Amino acid sequence: MSVIFGLIPGMILLGLVSVLIFFWAVRNGQYEDMEGPAYRILDDDDVDNNKDDRAE
């Protein structure tokens, strides 16, 4: 039972730190472009795949 008295303040502290990190991320623009990375993978790269990279 005495373990609970240590865990409750620890979980409150962990929760407050998590909320602070979330607000820091929002303020620094981490969530500005949510669709960009999803469409970026669909873009074609201008890479020539027919090259033979083996050294002969």
PDB file of N, CA and C in Angstrom:
ATOM      1  N   MET A   1       0.816  -1.193   0.000  1.00  0.00           N
ATOM      2  CA  MET A   1       0.000   0.000   0.000  1.00  0.00           C
ATOM      3  C   MET A   1       0.858   1.256   0.000  1.00  0.00           C
ATOM      4  N   SER A   2       2.006   1.195   0.611  1.00  0.00           N
ATOM      5  CA  SER A   2       2.854   2.384   0.666  1.00  0.00           C
ATOM      6  C   SER A   2       3.483   2.687  -0.696  1.00  0.00           C
ATOM      7  N   VAL A   3       3.505   1.704  -1.578  1.00  0.00           N
ATOM      8  CA  VAL A   3       4.039   1.924  -2.918  1.00  0.00           C
ATOM      9  C   VAL A   3       3.147   2.897  -3.680  1.00  0.00           C
ATOM     10  N   ILE A   4       1.852   2.860  -3.410  1.00  0.00           N
ATOM     11  CA  ILE A   4       0.894   3.745  -4.091  1.00  0.00           C
ATOM     12  C   ILE A   4       1.235   5.203  -3.801  1.00  0.00           C
ATOM     13  N   PHE A   5       1.692   5.503  -2.597  1.00  0.00           N
ATOM     14  CA  PHE A   5       2.008   6.880  -2.244  1.00  0.00           C
ATOM     15  C   PHE A   5       3.217   7.407  -3.023  1.00  0.00           C
ATOM     16  N   GLY A   6       4.016   6.530  -3.550  1.00  0.00           N
ATOM     17  CA  GLY A   6       5.120   6.939  -4.408  1.00  0.00           C
ATOM     18  C   GLY A   6       4.732   6.941  -5.876  1.00  0.00           C
ATOM     19  N   LEU A   7       3.848   6.034  -6.273  1.00  0.00           N
ATOM     20  CA  LEU A   7       3.455   5.930  -7.672  1.00  0.00           C
ATOM     21  C   LEU A   7       2.520   7.060  -8.111  1.00  0.00           C
ATOM     22  N   ILE A   8       1.627   7.480  -7.248  1.00  0.00           N
ATOM     23  CA  ILE A   8       0.673   8.528  -7.628  1.00  0.00           C
ATOM     24  C   ILE A   8       1.389   9.837  -7.966  1.00  0.00           C
ATOM     25  N   PRO A   9       2.282  10.341  -7.137  1.00  0.00           N
ATOM     26  CA  PRO A   9       2.994  11.566  -7.531  1.00  0.00           C
ATOM     27  C   PRO A   9       3.890  11.358  -8.759  1.00  0.00           C
ATOM     28  N   GLY A  10       4.441  10.166  -8.885  1.00  0.00           N
ATOM     29  CA  GLY A  10       5.262   9.884 -10.057  1.00  0.00           C
ATOM     30  C   GLY A  10       4.455   9.907 -11.338  1.00  0.00           C
ATOM     31  N   MET A  11       3.262   9.343 -11.325  1.00  0.00           N
ATOM     32  CA  MET A  11       2.401   9.341 -12.512  1.00  0.00           C
ATOM     33  C   MET A  11       1.879  10.748 -12.816  1.00  0.00           C
ATOM     34  N   ILE A  12       1.592  11.531 -11.797  1.00  0.00           N
ATOM     35  CA  ILE A  12       1.171  12.922 -12.023  1.00  0.00           C
ATOM     36  C   ILE A  12       2.308  13.703 -12.654  1.00  0.00           C
ATOM     37  N   LEU A  13       3.514  13.507 -12.162  1.00  0.00           N
ATOM     38  CA  LEU A  13       4.677  14.190 -12.727  1.00  0.00           C
ATOM     39  C   LEU A  13       4.921  13.748 -14.170  1.00  0.00           C
ATOM     40  N   LEU A  14       4.823  12.464 -14.437  1.00  0.00           N
ATOM     41  CA  LEU A  14       5.001  11.950 -15.793  1.00  0.00           C
ATOM     42  C   LEU A  14       3.934  12.505 -16.738  1.00  0.00           C
ATOM     43  N   GLY A  15       2.688  12.609 -16.270  1.00  0.00           N
ATOM     44  CA  GLY A  15       1.613  13.184 -17.066  1.00  0.00           C
ATOM     45  C   GLY A  15       1.858  14.657 -17.375  1.00  0.00           C
ATOM     46  N   LEU A  16       2.310  15.407 -16.402  1.00  0.00           N
ATOM     47  CA  LEU A  16       2.600  16.830 -16.626  1.00  0.00           C
ATOM     48  C   LEU A  16       3.751  17.024 -17.605  1.00  0.00           C
ATOM     49  N   VAL A  17       4.770  16.204 -17.504  1.00  0.00           N
ATOM     50  CA  VAL A  17       5.890  16.285 -18.440  1.00  0.00           C
ATOM     51  C   VAL A  17       5.414  15.948 -19.852  1.00  0.00           C
ATOM     52  N   SER A  18       4.550  14.948 -19.987  1.00  0.00           N
ATOM     53  CA  SER A  18       4.028  14.579 -21.303  1.00  0.00           C
ATOM     54  C   SER A  18       3.211  15.706 -21.916  1.00  0.00           C
ATOM     55  N   VAL A  19       2.386  16.359 -21.120  1.00  0.00           N
ATOM     56  CA  VAL A  19       1.580  17.486 -21.613  1.00  0.00           C
ATOM     57  C   VAL A  19       2.487  18.638 -22.016  1.00  0.00           C
ATOM     58  N   LEU A  20       3.504  18.913 -21.253  1.00  0.00           N
ATOM     59  CA  LEU A  20       4.434  19.994 -21.591  1.00  0.00           C
ATOM     60  C   LEU A  20       5.184  19.697 -22.894  1.00  0.00           C
ATOM     61  N   ILE A  21       5.603  18.470 -23.080  1.00  0.00           N
ATOM     62  CA  ILE A  21       6.283  18.098 -24.324  1.00  0.00           C
ATOM     63  C   ILE A  21       5.333  18.219 -25.508  1.00  0.00           C
ATOM     64  N   PHE A  22       4.064  17.834 -25.333  1.00  0.00           N
ATOM     65  CA  PHE A  22       3.077  17.965 -26.402  1.00  0.00           C
ATOM     66  C   PHE A  22       2.886  19.422 -26.788  1.00  0.00           C
ATOM     67  N   PHE A  23       2.717  20.311 -25.808  1.00  0.00           N
ATOM     68  CA  PHE A  23       2.529  21.731 -26.117  1.00  0.00           C
ATOM     69  C   PHE A  23       3.784  22.335 -26.738  1.00  0.00           C
ATOM     70  N   TRP A  24       4.960  21.883 -26.336  1.00  0.00           N
ATOM     71  CA  TRP A  24       6.200  22.356 -26.952  1.00  0.00           C
ATOM     72  C   TRP A  24       6.250  21.948 -28.425  1.00  0.00           C
ATOM     73  N   ALA A  25       5.836  20.721 -28.728  1.00  0.00           N
ATOM     74  CA  ALA A  25       5.844  20.241 -30.103  1.00  0.00           C
ATOM     75  C   ALA A  25       4.842  21.012 -30.960  1.00  0.00           C
ATOM     76  N   VAL A  26       3.676  21.305 -30.430  1.00  0.00           N
ATOM     77  CA  VAL A  26       2.677  22.070 -31.175  1.00  0.00           C
ATOM     78  C   VAL A  26       3.173  23.484 -31.428  1.00  0.00           C
ATOM     79  N   ARG A  27       3.779  24.103 -30.442  1.00  0.00           N
ATOM     80  CA  ARG A  27       4.270  25.469 -30.584  1.00  0.00           C
ATOM     81  C   ARG A  27       5.416  25.560 -31.589  1.00  0.00           C
ATOM     82  N   ASN A  28       6.220  24.514 -31.710  1.00  0.00           N
ATOM     83  CA  ASN A  28       7.349  24.530 -32.637  1.00  0.00           C
ATOM     84  C   ASN A  28       6.989  24.022 -34.023  1.00  0.00           C
ATOM     85  N   GLY A  29       5.713  23.765 -34.290  1.00  0.00           N
ATOM     86  CA  GLY A  29       5.273  23.425 -35.631  1.00  0.00           C
ATOM     87  C   GLY A  29       5.461  21.981 -36.035  1.00  0.00           C
ATOM     88  N   GLN A  30       5.506  21.071 -35.092  1.00  0.00           N
ATOM     89  CA  GLN A  30       5.688  19.665 -35.432  1.00  0.00           C
ATOM     90  C   GLN A  30       4.466  19.070 -36.115  1.00  0.00           C
ATOM     91  N   TYR A  31       3.301  19.677 -35.917  1.00  0.00           N
ATOM     92  CA  TYR A  31       2.065  19.141 -36.482  1.00  0.00           C
ATOM     93  C   TYR A  31       1.499  20.038 -37.573  1.00  0.00           C
ATOM     94  N   GLU A  32       2.320  20.859 -38.196  1.00  0.00           N
ATOM     95  CA  GLU A  32       1.843  21.796 -39.211  1.00  0.00           C
ATOM     96  C   GLU A  32       1.401  21.088 -40.485  1.00  0.00           C
ATOM     97  N   ASP A  33       2.204  20.199 -41.011  1.00  0.00           N
ATOM     98  CA  ASP A  33       1.915  19.559 -42.290  1.00  0.00           C
ATOM     99  C   ASP A  33       1.698  18.069 -42.065  1.00  0.00           C
ATOM    100  N   MET A  34       0.446  17.692 -41.854  1.00  0.00           N
ATOM    101  CA  MET A  34       0.153  16.294 -41.573  1.00  0.00           C
ATOM    102  C   MET A  34       0.000  15.462 -42.849  1.00  0.00           C
ATOM    103  N   GLU A  35      -0.287  16.092 -43.994  1.00  0.00           N
ATOM    104  CA  GLU A  35      -0.505  15.344 -45.221  1.00  0.00           C
ATOM    105  C   GLU A  35       0.726  15.299 -46.113  1.00  0.00           C
ATOM    106  N   GLY A  36       1.677  16.172 -45.905  1.00  0.00           N
ATOM    107  CA  GLY A  36       2.854  16.231 -46.761  1.00  0.00           C
ATOM    108  C   GLY A  36       3.648  14.949 -46.820  1.00  0.00           C
ATOM    109  N   PRO A  37       4.026  14.372 -45.697  1.00  0.00           N
ATOM    110  CA  PRO A  37       4.801  13.125 -45.754  1.00  0.00           C
ATOM    111  C   PRO A  37       4.034  11.974 -46.397  1.00  0.00           C
ATOM    112  N   ALA A  38       2.712  11.972 -46.283  1.00  0.00           N
ATOM    113  CA  ALA A  38       1.931  10.892 -46.880  1.00  0.00           C
ATOM    114  C   ALA A  38       1.971  10.967 -48.404  1.00  0.00           C
ATOM    115  N   TYR A  39       1.990  12.170 -48.966  1.00  0.00           N
ATOM    116  CA  TYR A  39       2.028  12.327 -50.420  1.00  0.00           C
ATOM    117  C   TYR A  39       3.458  12.327 -50.960  1.00  0.00           C
ATOM    118  N   ARG A  40       4.415  12.632 -50.128  1.00  0.00           N
ATOM    119  CA  ARG A  40       5.803  12.701 -50.570  1.00  0.00           C
ATOM    120  C   ARG A  40       6.317  11.345 -51.036  1.00  0.00           C
ATOM    121  N   ILE A  41       5.806  10.269 -50.451  1.00  0.00           N
ATOM    122  CA  ILE A  41       6.270   8.942 -50.845  1.00  0.00           C
ATOM    123  C   ILE A  41       5.759   8.576 -52.233  1.00  0.00           C
ATOM    124  N   LEU A  42       4.692   9.238 -52.693  1.00  0.00           N
ATOM    125  CA  LEU A  42       4.137   8.944 -54.005  1.00  0.00           C
ATOM    126  C   LEU A  42       4.855   9.690 -55.126  1.00  0.00           C
ATOM    127  N   ASP A  43       5.663  10.687 -54.781  1.00  0.00           N
ATOM    128  CA  ASP A  43       6.387  11.451 -55.792  1.00  0.00           C
ATOM    129  C   ASP A  43       7.431  10.569 -56.464  1.00  0.00           C
ATOM    130  N   ASP A  44       7.567  10.744 -57.775  1.00  0.00           N
ATOM    131  CA  ASP A  44       8.576  10.002 -58.513  1.00  0.00           C
ATOM    132  C   ASP A  44       9.941  10.637 -58.330  1.00  0.00           C
ATOM    133  N   ASP A  45      10.927   9.803 -58.136  1.00  0.00           N
ATOM    134  CA  ASP A  45      12.302  10.273 -58.085  1.00  0.00           C
ATOM    135  C   ASP A  45      12.881  10.221 -59.488  1.00  0.00           C
ATOM    136  N   ASP A  46      13.755  11.135 -59.799  1.00  0.00           N
ATOM    137  CA  ASP A  46      14.402  11.150 -61.102  1.00  0.00           C
ATOM    138  C   ASP A  46      15.682  10.325 -61.052  1.00  0.00           C
ATOM    139  N   VAL A  47      15.521   9.053 -60.751  1.00  0.00           N
ATOM    140  CA  VAL A  47      16.656   8.149 -60.645  1.00  0.00           C
ATOM    141  C   VAL A  47      16.590   7.169 -61.811  1.00  0.00           C
ATOM    142  N   ASP A  48      17.714   6.989 -62.466  1.00  0.00           N
ATOM    143  CA  ASP A  48      17.769   6.056 -63.579  1.00  0.00           C
ATOM    144  C   ASP A  48      18.006   4.654 -63.021  1.00  0.00           C
ATOM    145  N   ASN A  49      16.986   3.824 -63.064  1.00  0.00           N
ATOM    146  CA  ASN A  49      17.085   2.473 -62.503  1.00  0.00           C
ATOM    147  C   ASN A  49      17.736   1.494 -63.460  1.00  0.00           C
ATOM    148  N   ASN A  50      18.041   1.900 -64.691  1.00  0.00           N
ATOM    149  CA  ASN A  50      18.627   0.993 -65.672  1.00  0.00           C
ATOM    150  C   ASN A  50      20.147   0.925 -65.589  1.00  0.00           C
ATOM    151  N   LYS A  51      20.755   1.749 -64.761  1.00  0.00           N
ATOM    152  CA  LYS A  51      22.204   1.748 -64.630  1.00  0.00           C
ATOM    153  C   LYS A  51      22.652   0.447 -63.971  1.00  0.00           C
ATOM    154  N   ASP A  52      23.766  -0.046 -64.429  1.00  0.00           N
ATOM    155  CA  ASP A  52      24.354  -1.233 -63.832  1.00  0.00           C
ATOM    156  C   ASP A  52      25.488  -0.765 -62.941  1.00  0.00           C
ATOM    157  N   ASP A  53      25.314  -0.886 -61.627  1.00  0.00           N
ATOM    158  CA  ASP A  53      26.292  -0.364 -60.683  1.00  0.00           C
ATOM    159  C   ASP A  53      27.415  -1.347 -60.374  1.00  0.00           C
ATOM    160  N   ARG A  54      27.447  -2.466 -61.058  1.00  0.00           N
ATOM    161  CA  ARG A  54      28.507  -3.434 -60.773  1.00  0.00           C
ATOM    162  C   ARG A  54      29.823  -2.965 -61.409  1.00  0.00           C
ATOM    163  N   ALA A  55      30.866  -3.152 -60.672  1.00  0.00           N
ATOM    164  CA  ALA A  55      32.197  -2.809 -61.193  1.00  0.00           C
ATOM    165  C   ALA A  55      32.718  -3.987 -61.995  1.00  0.00           C
ATOM    166  N   GLU A  56      33.047  -3.717 -63.261  1.00  0.00           N
ATOM    167  CA  GLU A  56      33.541  -4.802 -64.107  1.00  0.00           C
ATOM    168  C   GLU A  56      34.953  -4.546 -64.538  1.00  0.00           C
TER     169      GLU A  56
END
